PDB file of all heavy atoms in Angstrom:
ATOM      1  N   LEU A   1     -27.862 -84.229 -90.601  1.00  0.00           N
ATOM      2  CA  LEU A   1     -29.099 -85.002 -90.416  1.00  0.00           C
ATOM      3  C   LEU A   1     -30.335 -84.235 -90.860  1.00  0.00           C
ATOM      4  O   LEU A   1     -31.440 -84.764 -90.826  1.00  0.00           O
ATOM      5  CB  LEU A   1     -29.257 -85.407 -88.942  1.00  0.00           C
ATOM      6  CG  LEU A   1     -28.204 -86.362 -88.405  1.00  0.00           C
ATOM      7  CD1 LEU A   1     -28.412 -86.578 -86.911  1.00  0.00           C
ATOM      8  CD2 LEU A   1     -28.219 -87.684 -89.151  1.00  0.00           C
ATOM      9  N   ASP A   2     -30.152 -83.006 -91.305  1.00  0.00           N
ATOM     10  CA  ASP A   2     -31.270 -82.162 -91.726  1.00  0.00           C
ATOM     11  C   ASP A   2     -31.660 -82.475 -93.171  1.00  0.00           C
ATOM     12  O   ASP A   2     -31.371 -81.715 -94.092  1.00  0.00           O
ATOM     13  CB  ASP A   2     -30.896 -80.687 -91.560  1.00  0.00           C
ATOM     14  CG  ASP A   2     -32.056 -79.751 -91.843  1.00  0.00           C
ATOM     15  OD1 ASP A   2     -33.189 -80.230 -92.007  1.00  0.00           O
ATOM     16  OD2 ASP A   2     -31.819 -78.532 -91.918  1.00  0.00           O
ATOM     17  N   HIS A   3     -32.281 -83.646 -93.377  1.00  0.00           N
ATOM     18  CA  HIS A   3     -32.753 -84.034 -94.707  1.00  0.00           C
ATOM     19  C   HIS A   3     -33.930 -85.001 -94.571  1.00  0.00           C
ATOM     20  O   HIS A   3     -34.164 -85.566 -93.500  1.00  0.00           O
ATOM     21  CB  HIS A   3     -31.635 -84.635 -95.561  1.00  0.00           C
ATOM     22  CG  HIS A   3     -30.945 -85.805 -94.938  1.00  0.00           C
ATOM     23  ND1 HIS A   3     -31.501 -87.068 -94.911  1.00  0.00           N
ATOM     24  CD2 HIS A   3     -29.749 -85.913 -94.299  1.00  0.00           C
ATOM     25  CE1 HIS A   3     -30.674 -87.902 -94.298  1.00  0.00           C
ATOM     26  NE2 HIS A   3     -29.620 -87.228 -93.903  1.00  0.00           N
ATOM     27  N   GLU A   4     -34.670 -85.158 -95.640  1.00  0.00           N
ATOM     28  CA  GLU A   4     -35.900 -85.960 -95.623  1.00  0.00           C
ATOM     29  C   GLU A   4     -35.682 -87.425 -95.228  1.00  0.00           C
ATOM     30  O   GLU A   4     -36.553 -88.036 -94.624  1.00  0.00           O
ATOM     31  CB  GLU A   4     -36.602 -85.892 -96.981  1.00  0.00           C
ATOM     32  CG  GLU A   4     -37.360 -84.600 -97.198  1.00  0.00           C
ATOM     33  CD  GLU A   4     -38.437 -84.347 -96.147  1.00  0.00           C
ATOM     34  OE1 GLU A   4     -39.261 -85.247 -95.874  1.00  0.00           O
ATOM     35  OE2 GLU A   4     -38.450 -83.242 -95.586  1.00  0.00           O
ATOM     36  N   ARG A   5     -34.546 -87.995 -95.571  1.00  0.00           N
ATOM     37  CA  ARG A   5     -34.303 -89.401 -95.209  1.00  0.00           C
ATOM     38  C   ARG A   5     -34.321 -89.590 -93.692  1.00  0.00           C
ATOM     39  O   ARG A   5     -34.651 -90.660 -93.198  1.00  0.00           O
ATOM     40  CB  ARG A   5     -32.972 -89.884 -95.782  1.00  0.00           C
ATOM     41  CG  ARG A   5     -33.022 -90.136 -97.270  1.00  0.00           C
ATOM     42  CD  ARG A   5     -31.750 -90.818 -97.748  1.00  0.00           C
ATOM     43  NE  ARG A   5     -30.533 -90.200 -97.241  1.00  0.00           N
ATOM     44  CZ  ARG A   5     -29.774 -89.338 -97.905  1.00  0.00           C
ATOM     45  NH1 ARG A   5     -30.083 -88.994 -99.129  1.00  0.00           N
ATOM     46  NH2 ARG A   5     -28.694 -88.837 -97.364  1.00  0.00           N
ATOM     47  N   SER A   6     -33.983 -88.539 -92.959  1.00  0.00           N
ATOM     48  CA  SER A   6     -33.994 -88.636 -91.503  1.00  0.00           C
ATOM     49  C   SER A   6     -35.400 -88.864 -90.964  1.00  0.00           C
ATOM     50  O   SER A   6     -35.567 -89.454 -89.894  1.00  0.00           O
ATOM     51  CB  SER A   6     -33.411 -87.361 -90.879  1.00  0.00           C
ATOM     52  OG  SER A   6     -32.029 -87.270 -91.154  1.00  0.00           O
ATOM     53  N   ILE A   7     -36.419 -88.426 -91.695  1.00  0.00           N
ATOM     54  CA  ILE A   7     -37.797 -88.618 -91.239  1.00  0.00           C
ATOM     55  C   ILE A   7     -38.152 -90.106 -91.252  1.00  0.00           C
ATOM     56  O   ILE A   7     -38.692 -90.634 -90.276  1.00  0.00           O
ATOM     57  CB  ILE A   7     -38.795 -87.809 -92.104  1.00  0.00           C
ATOM     58  CG1 ILE A   7     -38.453 -86.318 -92.073  1.00  0.00           C
ATOM     59  CG2 ILE A   7     -40.227 -88.066 -91.655  1.00  0.00           C
ATOM     60  CD1 ILE A   7     -38.406 -85.708 -90.693  1.00  0.00           C
ATOM     61  N   SER A   8     -37.839 -90.797 -92.329  1.00  0.00           N
ATOM     62  CA  SER A   8     -38.150 -92.231 -92.369  1.00  0.00           C
ATOM     63  C   SER A   8     -37.317 -92.994 -91.343  1.00  0.00           C
ATOM     64  O   SER A   8     -37.802 -93.954 -90.732  1.00  0.00           O
ATOM     65  CB  SER A   8     -37.940 -92.807 -93.768  1.00  0.00           C
ATOM     66  OG  SER A   8     -36.590 -92.735 -94.146  1.00  0.00           O
ATOM     67  N   ARG A   9     -36.106 -92.552 -91.109  1.00  0.00           N
ATOM     68  CA  ARG A   9     -35.264 -93.201 -90.091  1.00  0.00           C
ATOM     69  C   ARG A   9     -35.830 -92.949 -88.699  1.00  0.00           C
ATOM     70  O   ARG A   9     -35.808 -93.842 -87.842  1.00  0.00           O
ATOM     71  CB  ARG A   9     -33.838 -92.695 -90.202  1.00  0.00           C
ATOM     72  CG  ARG A   9     -33.188 -93.161 -91.499  1.00  0.00           C
ATOM     73  CD  ARG A   9     -31.855 -92.530 -91.758  1.00  0.00           C
ATOM     74  NE  ARG A   9     -31.343 -93.011 -93.043  1.00  0.00           N
ATOM     75  CZ  ARG A   9     -30.381 -92.425 -93.712  1.00  0.00           C
ATOM     76  NH1 ARG A   9     -29.805 -91.333 -93.247  1.00  0.00           N
ATOM     77  NH2 ARG A   9     -29.982 -92.923 -94.865  1.00  0.00           N
ATOM     78  N   ALA A  10     -36.346 -91.752 -88.476  1.00  0.00           N
ATOM     79  CA  ALA A  10     -36.973 -91.439 -87.187  1.00  0.00           C
ATOM     80  C   ALA A  10     -38.244 -92.271 -86.999  1.00  0.00           C
ATOM     81  O   ALA A  10     -38.518 -92.754 -85.897  1.00  0.00           O
ATOM     82  CB  ALA A  10     -37.288 -89.947 -87.106  1.00  0.00           C
ATOM     83  N   ARG A  11     -39.018 -92.456 -88.062  1.00  0.00           N
ATOM     84  CA  ARG A  11     -40.227 -93.278 -87.976  1.00  0.00           C
ATOM     85  C   ARG A  11     -39.866 -94.726 -87.649  1.00  0.00           C
ATOM     86  O   ARG A  11     -40.539 -95.374 -86.849  1.00  0.00           O
ATOM     87  CB  ARG A  11     -41.015 -93.202 -89.280  1.00  0.00           C
ATOM     88  CG  ARG A  11     -41.641 -91.832 -89.509  1.00  0.00           C
ATOM     89  CD  ARG A  11     -42.471 -91.806 -90.787  1.00  0.00           C
ATOM     90  NE  ARG A  11     -43.656 -92.635 -90.581  1.00  0.00           N
ATOM     91  CZ  ARG A  11     -44.217 -93.372 -91.539  1.00  0.00           C
ATOM     92  NH1 ARG A  11     -43.715 -93.404 -92.754  1.00  0.00           N
ATOM     93  NH2 ARG A  11     -45.291 -94.088 -91.279  1.00  0.00           N
ATOM     94  N   ASP A  12     -38.796 -95.240 -88.259  1.00  0.00           N
ATOM     95  CA  ASP A  12     -38.351 -96.603 -87.957  1.00  0.00           C
ATOM     96  C   ASP A  12     -37.930 -96.721 -86.498  1.00  0.00           C
ATOM     97  O   ASP A  12     -38.235 -97.709 -85.821  1.00  0.00           O
ATOM     98  CB  ASP A  12     -37.190 -97.018 -88.866  1.00  0.00           C
ATOM     99  CG  ASP A  12     -37.601 -97.211 -90.308  1.00  0.00           C
ATOM    100  OD1 ASP A  12     -38.805 -97.391 -90.586  1.00  0.00           O
ATOM    101  OD2 ASP A  12     -36.703 -97.175 -91.179  1.00  0.00           O
ATOM    102  N   THR A  13     -37.230 -95.699 -86.012  1.00  0.00           N
ATOM    103  CA  THR A  13     -36.808 -95.684 -84.611  1.00  0.00           C
ATOM    104  C   THR A  13     -38.022 -95.618 -83.698  1.00  0.00           C
ATOM    105  O   THR A  13     -38.097 -96.329 -82.690  1.00  0.00           O
ATOM    106  CB  THR A  13     -35.846 -94.510 -84.355  1.00  0.00           C
ATOM    107  OG1 THR A  13     -34.712 -94.631 -85.229  1.00  0.00           O
ATOM    108  CG2 THR A  13     -35.376 -94.482 -82.913  1.00  0.00           C
ATOM    109  N   CYS A  14     -38.984 -94.791 -84.046  1.00  0.00           N
ATOM    110  CA  CYS A  14     -40.218 -94.686 -83.274  1.00  0.00           C
ATOM    111  C   CYS A  14     -40.926 -96.034 -83.207  1.00  0.00           C
ATOM    112  O   CYS A  14     -41.382 -96.457 -82.140  1.00  0.00           O
ATOM    113  CB  CYS A  14     -41.139 -93.630 -83.896  1.00  0.00           C
ATOM    114  SG  CYS A  14     -42.773 -93.543 -83.123  1.00  0.00           S
ATOM    115  N   GLN A  15     -41.009 -96.717 -84.326  1.00  0.00           N
ATOM    116  CA  GLN A  15     -41.662 -98.026 -84.360  1.00  0.00           C
ATOM    117  C   GLN A  15     -40.967 -98.989 -83.411  1.00  0.00           C
ATOM    118  O   GLN A  15     -41.618 -99.736 -82.681  1.00  0.00           O
ATOM    119  CB  GLN A  15     -41.658 -98.576 -85.781  1.00  0.00           C
ATOM    120  CG  GLN A  15     -42.372 -99.897 -85.914  1.00  0.00           C
ATOM    121  CD  GLN A  15     -42.415-100.391 -87.347  1.00  0.00           C
ATOM    122  OE1 GLN A  15     -41.576-100.046 -88.171  1.00  0.00           O
ATOM    123  NE2 GLN A  15     -43.407-101.202 -87.655  1.00  0.00           N
ATOM    124  N   GLN A  16     -39.649 -98.949 -83.381  1.00  0.00           N
ATOM    125  CA  GLN A  16     -38.890 -99.833 -82.506  1.00  0.00           C
ATOM    126  C   GLN A  16     -39.133 -99.462 -81.032  1.00  0.00           C
ATOM    127  O   GLN A  16     -39.277-100.342 -80.185  1.00  0.00           O
ATOM    128  CB  GLN A  16     -37.403 -99.743 -82.851  1.00  0.00           C
ATOM    129  CG  GLN A  16     -36.552-100.784 -82.184  1.00  0.00           C
ATOM    130  CD  GLN A  16     -35.098-100.714 -82.626  1.00  0.00           C
ATOM    131  OE1 GLN A  16     -34.642 -99.736 -83.225  1.00  0.00           O
ATOM    132  NE2 GLN A  16     -34.359-101.758 -82.315  1.00  0.00           N
ATOM    133  N   ILE A  17     -39.213 -98.170 -80.750  1.00  0.00           N
ATOM    134  CA  ILE A  17     -39.495 -97.711 -79.383  1.00  0.00           C
ATOM    135  C   ILE A  17     -40.877 -98.195 -78.945  1.00  0.00           C
ATOM    136  O   ILE A  17     -41.040 -98.750 -77.856  1.00  0.00           O
ATOM    137  CB  ILE A  17     -39.405 -96.167 -79.299  1.00  0.00           C
ATOM    138  CG1 ILE A  17     -37.966 -95.697 -79.509  1.00  0.00           C
ATOM    139  CG2 ILE A  17     -39.980 -95.655 -77.980  1.00  0.00           C
ATOM    140  CD1 ILE A  17     -37.843 -94.197 -79.771  1.00  0.00           C
ATOM    141  N   LEU A  18     -41.877 -97.972 -79.799  1.00  0.00           N
ATOM    142  CA  LEU A  18     -43.252 -98.335 -79.454  1.00  0.00           C
ATOM    143  C   LEU A  18     -43.441 -99.844 -79.335  1.00  0.00           C
ATOM    144  O   LEU A  18     -44.331-100.304 -78.624  1.00  0.00           O
ATOM    145  CB  LEU A  18     -44.226 -97.758 -80.477  1.00  0.00           C
ATOM    146  CG  LEU A  18     -44.313 -96.233 -80.509  1.00  0.00           C
ATOM    147  CD1 LEU A  18     -45.289 -95.788 -81.591  1.00  0.00           C
ATOM    148  CD2 LEU A  18     -44.699 -95.664 -79.161  1.00  0.00           C
ATOM    149  N   ALA A  19     -42.605-100.603 -80.015  1.00  0.00           N
ATOM    150  CA  ALA A  19     -42.679-102.061 -79.933  1.00  0.00           C
ATOM    151  C   ALA A  19     -42.057-102.577 -78.637  1.00  0.00           C
ATOM    152  O   ALA A  19     -42.088-103.776 -78.369  1.00  0.00           O
ATOM    153  CB  ALA A  19     -41.989-102.693 -81.140  1.00  0.00           C
ATOM    154  N   GLY A  20     -41.512-101.653 -77.834  1.00  0.00           N
ATOM    155  CA  GLY A  20     -40.920-102.052 -76.558  1.00  0.00           C
ATOM    156  C   GLY A  20     -39.544-102.642 -76.706  1.00  0.00           C
ATOM    157  O   GLY A  20     -39.134-103.477 -75.896  1.00  0.00           O
ATOM    158  N   GLY A  21     -38.835-102.193 -77.729  1.00  0.00           N
ATOM    159  CA  GLY A  21     -37.491-102.706 -77.959  1.00  0.00           C
ATOM    160  C   GLY A  21     -36.551-102.422 -76.805  1.00  0.00           C
ATOM    161  O   GLY A  21     -36.695-101.433 -76.085  1.00  0.00           O
ATOM    162  N   ASP A  22     -35.599-103.309 -76.605  1.00  0.00           N
ATOM    163  CA  ASP A  22     -34.572-103.146 -75.592  1.00  0.00           C
ATOM    164  C   ASP A  22     -33.838-101.816 -75.833  1.00  0.00           C
ATOM    165  O   ASP A  22     -33.460-101.507 -76.971  1.00  0.00           O
ATOM    166  CB  ASP A  22     -33.590-104.322 -75.686  1.00  0.00           C
ATOM    167  CG  ASP A  22     -32.402-104.162 -74.765  1.00  0.00           C
ATOM    168  OD1 ASP A  22     -32.602-104.169 -73.539  1.00  0.00           O
ATOM    169  OD2 ASP A  22     -31.273-104.014 -75.298  1.00  0.00           O
ATOM    170  N   GLU A  23     -33.651-101.033 -74.778  1.00  0.00           N
ATOM    171  CA  GLU A  23     -33.068 -99.691 -74.903  1.00  0.00           C
ATOM    172  C   GLU A  23     -31.703 -99.718 -75.596  1.00  0.00           C
ATOM    173  O   GLU A  23     -31.433 -98.895 -76.476  1.00  0.00           O
ATOM    174  CB  GLU A  23     -32.954 -99.038 -73.526  1.00  0.00           C
ATOM    175  CG  GLU A  23     -32.487 -97.601 -73.561  1.00  0.00           C
ATOM    176  CD  GLU A  23     -33.514 -96.621 -74.123  1.00  0.00           C
ATOM    177  OE1 GLU A  23     -34.708 -96.969 -74.204  1.00  0.00           O
ATOM    178  OE2 GLU A  23     -33.113 -95.506 -74.488  1.00  0.00           O
ATOM    179  N   ALA A  24     -30.845-100.668 -75.230  1.00  0.00           N
ATOM    180  CA  ALA A  24     -29.522-100.751 -75.852  1.00  0.00           C
ATOM    181  C   ALA A  24     -29.648-101.048 -77.344  1.00  0.00           C
ATOM    182  O   ALA A  24     -28.908-100.476 -78.164  1.00  0.00           O
ATOM    183  CB  ALA A  24     -28.675-101.818 -75.164  1.00  0.00           C
ATOM    184  N   LYS A  25     -30.600-101.900 -77.712  1.00  0.00           N
ATOM    185  CA  LYS A  25     -30.818-102.238 -79.122  1.00  0.00           C
ATOM    186  C   LYS A  25     -31.395-101.047 -79.879  1.00  0.00           C
ATOM    187  O   LYS A  25     -31.010-100.782 -81.028  1.00  0.00           O
ATOM    188  CB  LYS A  25     -31.757-103.458 -79.229  1.00  0.00           C
ATOM    189  CG  LYS A  25     -32.019-103.895 -80.636  1.00  0.00           C
ATOM    190  CD  LYS A  25     -30.780-104.449 -81.301  1.00  0.00           C
ATOM    191  CE  LYS A  25     -31.139-104.967 -82.682  1.00  0.00           C
ATOM    192  NZ  LYS A  25     -29.978-105.132 -83.533  1.00  0.00           N
ATOM    193  N   VAL A  26     -32.305-100.313 -79.243  1.00  0.00           N
ATOM    194  CA  VAL A  26     -32.876 -99.115 -79.874  1.00  0.00           C
ATOM    195  C   VAL A  26     -31.766 -98.101 -80.160  1.00  0.00           C
ATOM    196  O   VAL A  26     -31.694 -97.539 -81.257  1.00  0.00           O
ATOM    197  CB  VAL A  26     -33.978 -98.493 -78.982  1.00  0.00           C
ATOM    198  CG1 VAL A  26     -34.416 -97.133 -79.519  1.00  0.00           C
ATOM    199  CG2 VAL A  26     -35.173 -99.429 -78.868  1.00  0.00           C
ATOM    200  N   LEU A  27     -30.890 -97.886 -79.176  1.00  0.00           N
ATOM    201  CA  LEU A  27     -29.781 -96.933 -79.361  1.00  0.00           C
ATOM    202  C   LEU A  27     -28.822 -97.396 -80.455  1.00  0.00           C
ATOM    203  O   LEU A  27     -28.410 -96.607 -81.306  1.00  0.00           O
ATOM    204  CB  LEU A  27     -29.027 -96.739 -78.045  1.00  0.00           C
ATOM    205  CG  LEU A  27     -29.791 -96.014 -76.943  1.00  0.00           C
ATOM    206  CD1 LEU A  27     -29.017 -96.069 -75.626  1.00  0.00           C
ATOM    207  CD2 LEU A  27     -30.074 -94.576 -77.336  1.00  0.00           C
ATOM    208  N   SER A  28     -28.488 -98.681 -80.440  1.00  0.00           N
ATOM    209  CA  SER A  28     -27.585 -99.231 -81.448  1.00  0.00           C
ATOM    210  C   SER A  28     -28.191 -99.118 -82.852  1.00  0.00           C
ATOM    211  O   SER A  28     -27.510 -98.713 -83.810  1.00  0.00           O
ATOM    212  CB  SER A  28     -27.281-100.688 -81.120  1.00  0.00           C
ATOM    213  OG  SER A  28     -26.557-101.301 -82.159  1.00  0.00           O
ATOM    214  N   SER A  29     -29.461 -99.442 -82.962  1.00  0.00           N
ATOM    215  CA  SER A  29     -30.140 -99.357 -84.261  1.00  0.00           C
ATOM    216  C   SER A  29     -30.225 -97.917 -84.742  1.00  0.00           C
ATOM    217  O   SER A  29     -30.040 -97.643 -85.930  1.00  0.00           O
ATOM    218  CB  SER A  29     -31.547 -99.957 -84.164  1.00  0.00           C
ATOM    219  OG  SER A  29     -31.483-101.327 -83.878  1.00  0.00           O
ATOM    220  N   ALA A  30     -30.519 -96.991 -83.836  1.00  0.00           N
ATOM    221  CA  ALA A  30     -30.593 -95.576 -84.210  1.00  0.00           C
ATOM    222  C   ALA A  30     -29.241 -95.093 -84.720  1.00  0.00           C
ATOM    223  O   ALA A  30     -29.164 -94.373 -85.720  1.00  0.00           O
ATOM    224  CB  ALA A  30     -31.057 -94.733 -83.032  1.00  0.00           C
ATOM    225  N   ARG A  31     -28.188 -95.488 -84.041  1.00  0.00           N
ATOM    226  CA  ARG A  31     -26.849 -95.075 -84.495  1.00  0.00           C
ATOM    227  C   ARG A  31     -26.585 -95.601 -85.903  1.00  0.00           C
ATOM    228  O   ARG A  31     -26.114 -94.881 -86.777  1.00  0.00           O
ATOM    229  CB  ARG A  31     -25.774 -95.574 -83.536  1.00  0.00           C
ATOM    230  CG  ARG A  31     -24.401 -95.128 -83.984  1.00  0.00           C
ATOM    231  CD  ARG A  31     -23.337 -95.363 -82.964  1.00  0.00           C
ATOM    232  NE  ARG A  31     -22.090 -94.772 -83.470  1.00  0.00           N
ATOM    233  CZ  ARG A  31     -20.913 -95.290 -83.268  1.00  0.00           C
ATOM    234  NH1 ARG A  31     -20.780 -96.368 -82.531  1.00  0.00           N
ATOM    235  NH2 ARG A  31     -19.848 -94.709 -83.762  1.00  0.00           N
ATOM    236  N   GLN A  32     -26.912 -96.857 -86.146  1.00  0.00           N
ATOM    237  CA  GLN A  32     -26.701 -97.442 -87.469  1.00  0.00           C
ATOM    238  C   GLN A  32     -27.580 -96.773 -88.526  1.00  0.00           C
ATOM    239  O   GLN A  32     -27.128 -96.547 -89.644  1.00  0.00           O
ATOM    240  CB  GLN A  32     -26.976 -98.945 -87.440  1.00  0.00           C
ATOM    241  CG  GLN A  32     -25.964 -99.723 -86.640  1.00  0.00           C
ATOM    242  CD  GLN A  32     -26.350-101.173 -86.461  1.00  0.00           C
ATOM    243  OE1 GLN A  32     -27.340-101.649 -87.004  1.00  0.00           O
ATOM    244  NE2 GLN A  32     -25.574-101.902 -85.673  1.00  0.00           N
TER     245      GLN A  32
END
């Protein structure tokens, strides 16, 4: 996971967290 693409994926995950996404959905999306 130590690569630049992980940064954009982390930003997408952050956006989902800040939007108040359901915890199970946030975890599932992060895994995907």
